[in-house]
Amino acid sequence: MEFNLVFHSPKSDRCDLCEKFKVTKQTQTLTADIKYEYDVHRTSKMNMREVRNEEKKNKDLPVLLFDLQNVILTPHVNISSLFYLRKLNVYNLLAYCTPTKQTYCALWSENLSVRASNDTSAFHKILTVLTEENDITESITWSDSCVPRKRNSIISNSDLDFLKANLEVKSVTVK
């Protein structure tokens, strides 16, 4: 049996600030304030990437990178008249653990749940599995800065519940 499989690099997501800079530059409405804000943002982003890459090289400290990927529209068709018949969104949460080089994937459809912080806090189940399999006592997690996935009380409480349930884990650093 033969399959016609094609792999490509996914398009990268841009944050609101990067998109604002791009649009104002294209429309020639770029101000000094927007340019300065963008430069600070870009420098911060580059510094963060350097720190993340250095942490990934550390074999003693596990780093878990997770991200909610693009929504998968189903059914997938390439016929223009059927494009608007897509009825179901499928969400895809990926996590990558540096010491084991394992990738974990959680898929769910919108009829089961949405992509709110309750759903993305489920990545702590992956942390639990990694802790049990690898005797991990501390960990660093990296995600994008999207509020539903990182910067809210539900994720913080999920971190706390994970630490209470796994007493051998002394710390989880969220970045």
N, C-alpha and C. Protein backbone atom coordinates (compact mmCIF):
# COMPACT_ATOMS: atom_id res chain seq x y z
N MET A 1 0.84 -1.17 0.00
CA MET A 1 0.00 0.00 0.00
C MET A 1 0.89 1.24 0.00
N GLU A 2 0.66 2.18 -0.89
CA GLU A 2 1.44 3.40 -0.98
C GLU A 2 0.62 4.59 -0.52
N PHE A 3 1.30 5.50 0.17
CA PHE A 3 0.66 6.71 0.63
C PHE A 3 1.37 7.91 0.02
N ASN A 4 0.63 8.93 -0.26
CA ASN A 4 1.20 10.16 -0.78
C ASN A 4 1.34 11.14 0.38
N LEU A 5 2.45 11.03 1.11
CA LEU A 5 2.68 11.88 2.28
C LEU A 5 3.60 13.02 1.91
N VAL A 6 3.26 14.21 2.40
CA VAL A 6 4.07 15.39 2.14
C VAL A 6 4.29 16.10 3.47
N PHE A 7 5.53 16.48 3.74
CA PHE A 7 5.86 17.22 4.95
C PHE A 7 6.33 18.61 4.56
N HIS A 8 5.91 19.59 5.32
CA HIS A 8 6.34 20.96 5.06
C HIS A 8 6.52 21.67 6.39
N SER A 9 7.26 22.75 6.37
CA SER A 9 7.44 23.55 7.57
C SER A 9 6.18 24.37 7.79
N PRO A 10 5.63 24.31 9.01
CA PRO A 10 4.41 25.08 9.26
C PRO A 10 4.72 26.58 9.29
N LYS A 11 3.73 27.37 8.96
CA LYS A 11 3.88 28.82 9.05
C LYS A 11 3.96 29.20 10.52
N SER A 12 4.83 30.13 10.84
CA SER A 12 4.97 30.51 12.24
C SER A 12 3.90 31.53 12.61
N ASP A 13 3.46 31.44 13.85
CA ASP A 13 2.48 32.39 14.35
C ASP A 13 3.19 33.70 14.68
N ARG A 14 2.50 34.79 14.49
CA ARG A 14 3.04 36.09 14.87
C ARG A 14 2.16 36.66 15.96
N CYS A 15 2.79 37.32 16.90
CA CYS A 15 2.03 37.95 17.97
C CYS A 15 1.41 39.25 17.46
N ASP A 16 0.56 39.84 18.28
CA ASP A 16 -0.13 41.07 17.90
C ASP A 16 0.84 42.21 17.62
N LEU A 17 1.90 42.30 18.43
CA LEU A 17 2.86 43.38 18.26
C LEU A 17 3.64 43.24 16.95
N CYS A 18 4.06 42.03 16.63
CA CYS A 18 4.77 41.80 15.36
C CYS A 18 3.86 42.09 14.17
N GLU A 19 2.61 41.69 14.29
CA GLU A 19 1.65 41.93 13.20
C GLU A 19 1.36 43.43 13.06
N LYS A 20 1.26 44.12 14.19
CA LYS A 20 1.04 45.57 14.16
C LYS A 20 2.21 46.27 13.46
N PHE A 21 3.43 45.86 13.79
CA PHE A 21 4.61 46.44 13.15
C PHE A 21 4.59 46.19 11.65
N LYS A 22 4.28 44.96 11.26
CA LYS A 22 4.26 44.60 9.84
C LYS A 22 3.23 45.43 9.07
N VAL A 23 2.03 45.55 9.63
CA VAL A 23 0.96 46.29 8.95
C VAL A 23 1.28 47.78 8.86
N THR A 24 1.76 48.36 9.96
CA THR A 24 2.07 49.80 9.93
C THR A 24 3.24 50.09 8.99
N LYS A 25 4.17 49.16 8.89
CA LYS A 25 5.29 49.35 7.96
C LYS A 25 4.80 49.28 6.51
N GLN A 26 3.91 48.33 6.23
CA GLN A 26 3.38 48.17 4.87
C GLN A 26 2.51 49.36 4.45
N THR A 27 1.76 49.89 5.40
CA THR A 27 0.87 51.01 5.08
C THR A 27 1.55 52.36 5.27
N GLN A 28 2.83 52.33 5.59
CA GLN A 28 3.65 53.54 5.78
C GLN A 28 3.09 54.44 6.87
N THR A 29 2.56 53.84 7.94
CA THR A 29 2.09 54.59 9.11
C THR A 29 2.91 54.25 10.34
N LEU A 30 4.12 53.77 10.12
CA LEU A 30 5.00 53.36 11.21
C LEU A 30 5.50 54.60 11.96
N THR A 31 5.30 54.60 13.28
CA THR A 31 5.77 55.72 14.11
C THR A 31 7.01 55.28 14.88
N ALA A 32 7.70 56.24 15.45
CA ALA A 32 8.90 55.95 16.24
C ALA A 32 8.55 55.12 17.47
N ASP A 33 7.39 55.38 18.07
CA ASP A 33 6.96 54.63 19.25
C ASP A 33 6.73 53.15 18.92
N ILE A 34 6.06 52.90 17.81
CA ILE A 34 5.80 51.51 17.40
C ILE A 34 7.11 50.81 17.07
N LYS A 35 8.01 51.52 16.40
CA LYS A 35 9.32 50.94 16.05
C LYS A 35 10.11 50.61 17.31
N TYR A 36 10.12 51.54 18.29
CA TYR A 36 10.84 51.30 19.54
C TYR A 36 10.25 50.12 20.30
N GLU A 37 8.92 50.08 20.38
CA GLU A 37 8.23 48.98 21.07
C GLU A 37 8.55 47.64 20.40
N TYR A 38 8.57 47.64 19.08
CA TYR A 38 8.89 46.42 18.33
C TYR A 38 10.34 46.00 18.56
N ASP A 39 11.27 46.96 18.56
CA ASP A 39 12.69 46.64 18.79
C ASP A 39 12.92 46.04 20.17
N VAL A 40 12.27 46.61 21.18
CA VAL A 40 12.37 46.06 22.54
C VAL A 40 11.80 44.65 22.58
N HIS A 41 10.66 44.48 21.95
CA HIS A 41 9.99 43.17 21.90
C HIS A 41 10.88 42.14 21.21
N ARG A 42 11.47 42.52 20.10
CA ARG A 42 12.33 41.61 19.33
C ARG A 42 13.59 41.23 20.11
N THR A 43 14.20 42.19 20.79
CA THR A 43 15.37 41.92 21.62
C THR A 43 15.01 40.96 22.74
N SER A 44 13.88 41.20 23.37
CA SER A 44 13.41 40.31 24.44
C SER A 44 13.18 38.90 23.92
N LYS A 45 12.60 38.80 22.74
CA LYS A 45 12.33 37.49 22.13
C LYS A 45 13.63 36.75 21.84
N MET A 46 14.62 37.45 21.32
CA MET A 46 15.91 36.82 21.01
C MET A 46 16.62 36.36 22.28
N ASN A 47 16.57 37.20 23.33
CA ASN A 47 17.17 36.81 24.61
C ASN A 47 16.50 35.58 25.19
N MET A 48 15.17 35.53 25.09
CA MET A 48 14.43 34.39 25.59
C MET A 48 14.81 33.12 24.83
N ARG A 49 14.97 33.21 23.53
CA ARG A 49 15.36 32.04 22.73
C ARG A 49 16.74 31.54 23.13
N GLU A 50 17.67 32.46 23.39
CA GLU A 50 19.01 32.07 23.82
C GLU A 50 18.96 31.32 25.15
N VAL A 51 18.18 31.84 26.09
CA VAL A 51 18.04 31.18 27.40
C VAL A 51 17.42 29.80 27.23
N ARG A 52 16.37 29.70 26.43
CA ARG A 52 15.71 28.42 26.20
C ARG A 52 16.67 27.41 25.56
N ASN A 53 17.43 27.84 24.58
CA ASN A 53 18.38 26.93 23.92
C ASN A 53 19.47 26.47 24.87
N GLU A 54 19.93 27.35 25.76
CA GLU A 54 20.93 26.96 26.76
C GLU A 54 20.34 25.95 27.74
N GLU A 55 19.10 26.18 28.15
CA GLU A 55 18.45 25.25 29.08
C GLU A 55 18.21 23.90 28.43
N LYS A 56 17.93 23.89 27.15
CA LYS A 56 17.71 22.62 26.44
C LYS A 56 18.99 21.78 26.40
N LYS A 57 20.15 22.43 26.42
CA LYS A 57 21.43 21.72 26.38
C LYS A 57 21.77 21.06 27.71
N ASN A 58 21.19 21.54 28.80
CA ASN A 58 21.47 21.00 30.13
C ASN A 58 20.81 19.63 30.28
N LYS A 59 21.62 18.59 30.35
CA LYS A 59 21.10 17.21 30.42
C LYS A 59 20.54 16.87 31.80
N ASP A 60 20.96 17.62 32.83
CA ASP A 60 20.53 17.30 34.20
C ASP A 60 19.16 17.87 34.54
N LEU A 61 18.74 18.89 33.83
CA LEU A 61 17.47 19.54 34.13
C LEU A 61 16.51 19.37 32.97
N PRO A 62 15.44 18.60 33.15
CA PRO A 62 14.50 18.38 32.05
C PRO A 62 13.74 19.65 31.69
N VAL A 63 13.62 19.87 30.40
CA VAL A 63 12.86 21.00 29.88
C VAL A 63 11.72 20.43 29.06
N LEU A 64 10.51 20.89 29.36
CA LEU A 64 9.32 20.46 28.62
C LEU A 64 8.80 21.66 27.84
N LEU A 65 8.82 21.54 26.52
CA LEU A 65 8.32 22.60 25.66
C LEU A 65 6.94 22.17 25.16
N PHE A 66 5.95 23.04 25.32
CA PHE A 66 4.63 22.67 24.83
C PHE A 66 3.99 23.83 24.10
N ASP A 67 3.15 23.49 23.13
CA ASP A 67 2.52 24.50 22.31
C ASP A 67 1.23 23.94 21.71
N LEU A 68 0.23 24.77 21.66
CA LEU A 68 -1.01 24.41 20.98
C LEU A 68 -0.82 24.76 19.52
N GLN A 69 -0.85 23.76 18.67
CA GLN A 69 -0.59 23.93 17.24
C GLN A 69 -1.81 24.52 16.54
N ASN A 70 -1.67 24.75 15.24
CA ASN A 70 -2.78 25.28 14.45
C ASN A 70 -3.99 24.35 14.54
N VAL A 71 -5.16 24.93 14.48
CA VAL A 71 -6.40 24.16 14.50
C VAL A 71 -6.48 23.33 13.22
N ILE A 72 -6.83 22.07 13.36
CA ILE A 72 -7.00 21.19 12.21
C ILE A 72 -8.47 21.23 11.81
N LEU A 73 -8.74 21.68 10.61
CA LEU A 73 -10.12 21.77 10.13
C LEU A 73 -10.50 20.45 9.48
N THR A 74 -11.64 19.91 9.88
CA THR A 74 -12.09 18.64 9.30
C THR A 74 -13.51 18.79 8.79
N PRO A 75 -13.88 18.07 7.78
CA PRO A 75 -13.02 17.23 6.94
C PRO A 75 -12.12 18.10 6.07
N HIS A 76 -10.95 17.58 5.73
CA HIS A 76 -10.00 18.31 4.90
C HIS A 76 -10.30 18.03 3.43
N VAL A 77 -10.66 19.08 2.71
CA VAL A 77 -10.96 18.92 1.29
C VAL A 77 -10.27 20.04 0.51
N ASN A 78 -9.94 19.77 -0.71
CA ASN A 78 -9.32 20.78 -1.57
C ASN A 78 -10.27 21.25 -2.67
N ILE A 79 -11.54 21.13 -2.42
CA ILE A 79 -12.56 21.54 -3.39
C ILE A 79 -13.20 22.82 -2.86
N SER A 80 -13.12 23.88 -3.63
CA SER A 80 -13.55 25.18 -3.14
C SER A 80 -15.03 25.21 -2.74
N SER A 81 -15.87 24.51 -3.45
CA SER A 81 -17.30 24.54 -3.12
C SER A 81 -17.60 23.83 -1.80
N LEU A 82 -16.70 22.96 -1.36
CA LEU A 82 -16.90 22.26 -0.10
C LEU A 82 -16.15 22.89 1.07
N PHE A 83 -15.39 23.95 0.79
CA PHE A 83 -14.56 24.56 1.83
C PHE A 83 -15.39 24.99 3.03
N TYR A 84 -16.55 25.58 2.80
CA TYR A 84 -17.36 26.10 3.90
C TYR A 84 -18.21 25.03 4.58
N LEU A 85 -18.06 23.80 4.16
CA LEU A 85 -18.77 22.70 4.83
C LEU A 85 -17.96 22.12 5.99
N ARG A 86 -16.80 22.68 6.22
CA ARG A 86 -16.00 22.21 7.35
C ARG A 86 -16.75 22.54 8.64
N LYS A 87 -16.97 21.53 9.41
CA LYS A 87 -17.80 21.71 10.59
C LYS A 87 -17.10 21.45 11.91
N LEU A 88 -15.97 20.76 11.89
CA LEU A 88 -15.37 20.32 13.14
C LEU A 88 -13.92 20.80 13.24
N ASN A 89 -13.61 21.47 14.34
CA ASN A 89 -12.24 21.88 14.63
C ASN A 89 -11.60 20.85 15.55
N VAL A 90 -10.36 20.49 15.25
CA VAL A 90 -9.61 19.56 16.08
C VAL A 90 -8.39 20.31 16.61
N TYR A 91 -8.17 20.22 17.93
CA TYR A 91 -7.06 20.93 18.57
C TYR A 91 -5.92 19.95 18.82
N ASN A 92 -4.71 20.48 18.79
CA ASN A 92 -3.51 19.65 18.81
C ASN A 92 -2.50 20.28 19.76
N LEU A 93 -2.32 19.68 20.93
CA LEU A 93 -1.35 20.16 21.91
C LEU A 93 -0.13 19.26 21.86
N LEU A 94 1.03 19.84 21.56
CA LEU A 94 2.27 19.07 21.48
C LEU A 94 3.17 19.42 22.64
N ALA A 95 3.87 18.43 23.15
CA ALA A 95 4.87 18.64 24.20
C ALA A 95 6.12 17.86 23.84
N TYR A 96 7.27 18.47 24.08
CA TYR A 96 8.56 17.84 23.77
C TYR A 96 9.41 17.87 25.03
N CYS A 97 9.93 16.72 25.42
CA CYS A 97 10.77 16.61 26.60
C CYS A 97 12.22 16.46 26.16
N THR A 98 13.10 17.35 26.64
CA THR A 98 14.47 17.37 26.14
C THR A 98 15.33 16.17 26.54
N PRO A 99 15.30 15.69 27.80
CA PRO A 99 16.24 14.60 28.10
C PRO A 99 15.90 13.29 27.39
N THR A 100 14.62 13.01 27.24
CA THR A 100 14.23 11.75 26.61
C THR A 100 14.02 11.91 25.11
N LYS A 101 13.95 13.16 24.65
CA LYS A 101 13.67 13.47 23.24
C LYS A 101 12.37 12.84 22.76
N GLN A 102 11.41 12.76 23.67
CA GLN A 102 10.10 12.22 23.34
C GLN A 102 9.13 13.37 23.07
N THR A 103 8.24 13.13 22.14
CA THR A 103 7.19 14.10 21.84
C THR A 103 5.85 13.48 22.19
N TYR A 104 5.02 14.27 22.84
CA TYR A 104 3.69 13.82 23.23
C TYR A 104 2.67 14.70 22.51
N CYS A 105 1.57 14.09 22.14
CA CYS A 105 0.54 14.81 21.40
C CYS A 105 -0.82 14.51 22.01
N ALA A 106 -1.58 15.57 22.25
CA ALA A 106 -2.95 15.42 22.72
C ALA A 106 -3.87 16.03 21.67
N LEU A 107 -4.78 15.23 21.15
CA LEU A 107 -5.75 15.69 20.16
C LEU A 107 -7.15 15.62 20.76
N TRP A 108 -7.93 16.66 20.54
CA TRP A 108 -9.34 16.61 20.93
C TRP A 108 -10.13 17.52 20.00
N SER A 109 -11.38 17.19 19.84
CA SER A 109 -12.23 17.98 18.94
C SER A 109 -13.08 18.94 19.76
N GLU A 110 -13.61 19.94 19.07
CA GLU A 110 -14.38 20.98 19.75
C GLU A 110 -15.67 20.46 20.37
N ASN A 111 -16.13 19.28 19.96
CA ASN A 111 -17.33 18.74 20.59
C ASN A 111 -17.02 18.17 21.98
N LEU A 112 -15.74 17.89 22.26
CA LEU A 112 -15.33 17.42 23.58
C LEU A 112 -15.02 18.59 24.51
N SER A 113 -14.34 19.58 23.97
CA SER A 113 -13.95 20.73 24.77
C SER A 113 -13.39 21.81 23.86
N VAL A 114 -13.16 22.98 24.42
CA VAL A 114 -12.57 24.07 23.64
C VAL A 114 -11.08 24.13 23.94
N ARG A 115 -10.42 25.19 23.58
CA ARG A 115 -8.99 25.30 23.87
C ARG A 115 -8.74 26.35 24.94
N ALA A 116 -9.41 26.19 26.04
CA ALA A 116 -9.26 27.10 27.17
C ALA A 116 -8.15 26.60 28.09
N SER A 117 -7.89 27.36 29.14
CA SER A 117 -6.80 27.00 30.05
C SER A 117 -7.07 25.68 30.77
N ASN A 118 -8.34 25.33 31.01
CA ASN A 118 -8.64 24.03 31.62
C ASN A 118 -8.11 22.89 30.76
N ASP A 119 -8.26 23.04 29.47
CA ASP A 119 -7.84 21.98 28.55
C ASP A 119 -6.33 21.92 28.42
N THR A 120 -5.71 23.08 28.31
CA THR A 120 -4.26 23.08 28.13
C THR A 120 -3.52 22.79 29.43
N SER A 121 -4.18 22.93 30.57
CA SER A 121 -3.53 22.56 31.82
C SER A 121 -3.38 21.04 31.94
N ALA A 122 -4.02 20.32 31.04
CA ALA A 122 -3.90 18.86 31.03
C ALA A 122 -2.49 18.41 30.67
N PHE A 123 -1.64 19.33 30.20
CA PHE A 123 -0.27 18.93 29.90
C PHE A 123 0.45 18.46 31.17
N HIS A 124 -0.09 18.79 32.35
CA HIS A 124 0.53 18.32 33.59
C HIS A 124 0.46 16.80 33.71
N LYS A 125 -0.48 16.19 33.01
CA LYS A 125 -0.51 14.72 32.95
C LYS A 125 0.77 14.21 32.29
N ILE A 126 1.23 14.93 31.28
CA ILE A 126 2.49 14.57 30.62
C ILE A 126 3.64 14.70 31.61
N LEU A 127 3.63 15.77 32.41
CA LEU A 127 4.66 15.94 33.43
C LEU A 127 4.64 14.80 34.43
N THR A 128 3.45 14.36 34.81
CA THR A 128 3.33 13.24 35.75
C THR A 128 3.94 11.98 35.17
N VAL A 129 3.65 11.69 33.92
CA VAL A 129 4.21 10.51 33.25
C VAL A 129 5.73 10.60 33.20
N LEU A 130 6.25 11.76 32.82
CA LEU A 130 7.70 11.94 32.75
C LEU A 130 8.36 11.77 34.11
N THR A 131 7.72 12.29 35.14
CA THR A 131 8.25 12.19 36.49
C THR A 131 8.33 10.73 36.93
N GLU A 132 7.28 9.98 36.66
CA GLU A 132 7.26 8.57 37.04
C GLU A 132 8.29 7.75 36.27
N GLU A 133 8.49 8.06 35.00
CA GLU A 133 9.40 7.27 34.16
C GLU A 133 10.86 7.64 34.34
N ASN A 134 11.17 8.86 34.78
CA ASN A 134 12.55 9.33 34.73
C ASN A 134 13.09 9.88 36.04
N ASP A 135 12.43 9.69 37.14
CA ASP A 135 12.90 10.18 38.45
C ASP A 135 13.26 11.67 38.41
N ILE A 136 12.36 12.47 37.91
CA ILE A 136 12.59 13.91 37.79
C ILE A 136 12.22 14.59 39.10
N THR A 137 13.11 15.48 39.59
CA THR A 137 12.82 16.21 40.82
C THR A 137 12.57 17.70 40.57
N GLU A 138 12.99 18.19 39.42
CA GLU A 138 12.66 19.57 39.05
C GLU A 138 12.57 19.66 37.54
N SER A 139 11.83 20.66 37.07
CA SER A 139 11.59 20.77 35.64
C SER A 139 11.35 22.21 35.25
N ILE A 140 11.58 22.49 33.98
CA ILE A 140 11.27 23.80 33.40
C ILE A 140 10.29 23.57 32.26
N THR A 141 9.22 24.35 32.22
CA THR A 141 8.27 24.25 31.11
C THR A 141 8.30 25.56 30.33
N TRP A 142 8.28 25.43 29.03
CA TRP A 142 8.25 26.58 28.13
C TRP A 142 7.00 26.51 27.27
N SER A 143 6.34 27.65 27.12
CA SER A 143 5.24 27.75 26.17
C SER A 143 5.23 29.17 25.63
N ASP A 144 4.34 29.44 24.70
CA ASP A 144 4.23 30.81 24.23
C ASP A 144 3.58 31.65 25.32
N SER A 145 3.43 32.93 25.09
CA SER A 145 2.91 33.81 26.14
C SER A 145 1.41 34.03 26.05
N CYS A 146 0.71 33.14 25.38
CA CYS A 146 -0.73 33.26 25.23
C CYS A 146 -1.41 33.08 26.60
N VAL A 147 -2.27 34.00 26.96
CA VAL A 147 -2.90 33.98 28.28
C VAL A 147 -3.64 32.67 28.57
N PRO A 148 -4.46 32.12 27.65
CA PRO A 148 -5.15 30.88 27.98
C PRO A 148 -4.21 29.70 28.21
N ARG A 149 -2.97 29.78 27.74
CA ARG A 149 -2.07 28.65 27.89
C ARG A 149 -1.03 28.83 28.97
N LYS A 150 -0.87 30.04 29.50
CA LYS A 150 0.20 30.18 30.47
C LYS A 150 -0.09 31.18 31.57
N ARG A 151 -0.49 32.34 31.24
CA ARG A 151 -0.54 33.41 32.21
C ARG A 151 -1.93 33.57 32.82
N ASN A 152 -2.31 32.63 33.65
CA ASN A 152 -3.59 32.75 34.32
C ASN A 152 -3.61 31.88 35.56
N SER A 153 -4.64 32.06 36.38
CA SER A 153 -4.71 31.36 37.67
C SER A 153 -4.99 29.87 37.50
N ILE A 154 -5.64 29.46 36.45
CA ILE A 154 -5.94 28.03 36.27
C ILE A 154 -4.65 27.25 36.04
N ILE A 155 -3.76 27.78 35.20
CA ILE A 155 -2.49 27.11 34.96
C ILE A 155 -1.65 27.12 36.24
N SER A 156 -1.65 28.24 36.97
CA SER A 156 -0.90 28.32 38.23
C SER A 156 -1.41 27.29 39.23
N ASN A 157 -2.73 27.17 39.34
CA ASN A 157 -3.30 26.17 40.25
C ASN A 157 -3.01 24.75 39.77
N SER A 158 -2.97 24.56 38.48
CA SER A 158 -2.61 23.25 37.94
C SER A 158 -1.16 22.90 38.30
N ASP A 159 -0.26 23.89 38.22
CA ASP A 159 1.13 23.68 38.65
C ASP A 159 1.17 23.29 40.12
N LEU A 160 0.42 24.00 40.93
CA LEU A 160 0.40 23.73 42.36
C LEU A 160 -0.16 22.34 42.66
N ASP A 161 -1.25 21.96 42.00
CA ASP A 161 -1.81 20.62 42.18
C ASP A 161 -0.83 19.54 41.76
N PHE A 162 -0.11 19.78 40.66
CA PHE A 162 0.90 18.82 40.20
C PHE A 162 1.97 18.64 41.27
N LEU A 163 2.45 19.75 41.85
CA LEU A 163 3.49 19.66 42.87
C LEU A 163 2.99 18.96 44.14
N LYS A 164 1.73 19.20 44.51
CA LYS A 164 1.16 18.53 45.68
C LYS A 164 1.00 17.04 45.45
N ALA A 165 0.64 16.65 44.25
CA ALA A 165 0.42 15.23 43.93
C ALA A 165 1.72 14.48 43.71
N ASN A 166 2.79 15.18 43.39
CA ASN A 166 4.09 14.56 43.10
C ASN A 166 5.13 15.15 44.05
N LEU A 167 5.16 14.62 45.26
CA LEU A 167 6.01 15.18 46.30
C LEU A 167 7.50 15.08 45.99
N GLU A 168 7.89 14.14 45.12
CA GLU A 168 9.30 14.02 44.76
C GLU A 168 9.77 15.18 43.88
N VAL A 169 8.84 15.87 43.25
CA VAL A 169 9.19 17.03 42.42
C VAL A 169 9.27 18.25 43.33
N LYS A 170 10.43 18.88 43.33
CA LYS A 170 10.67 20.03 44.22
C LYS A 170 10.28 21.35 43.57
N SER A 171 10.42 21.44 42.24
CA SER A 171 10.07 22.71 41.58
C SER A 171 9.73 22.49 40.11
N VAL A 172 8.80 23.33 39.65
CA VAL A 172 8.47 23.42 38.23
C VAL A 172 8.53 24.91 37.88
N THR A 173 9.45 25.26 37.01
CA THR A 173 9.60 26.65 36.59
C THR A 173 8.86 26.84 35.28
N VAL A 174 7.96 27.81 35.26
CA VAL A 174 7.15 28.07 34.07
C VAL A 174 7.70 29.31 33.38
N LYS A 175 8.04 29.16 32.10
CA LYS A 175 8.59 30.30 31.35
C LYS A 175 7.80 30.51 30.09
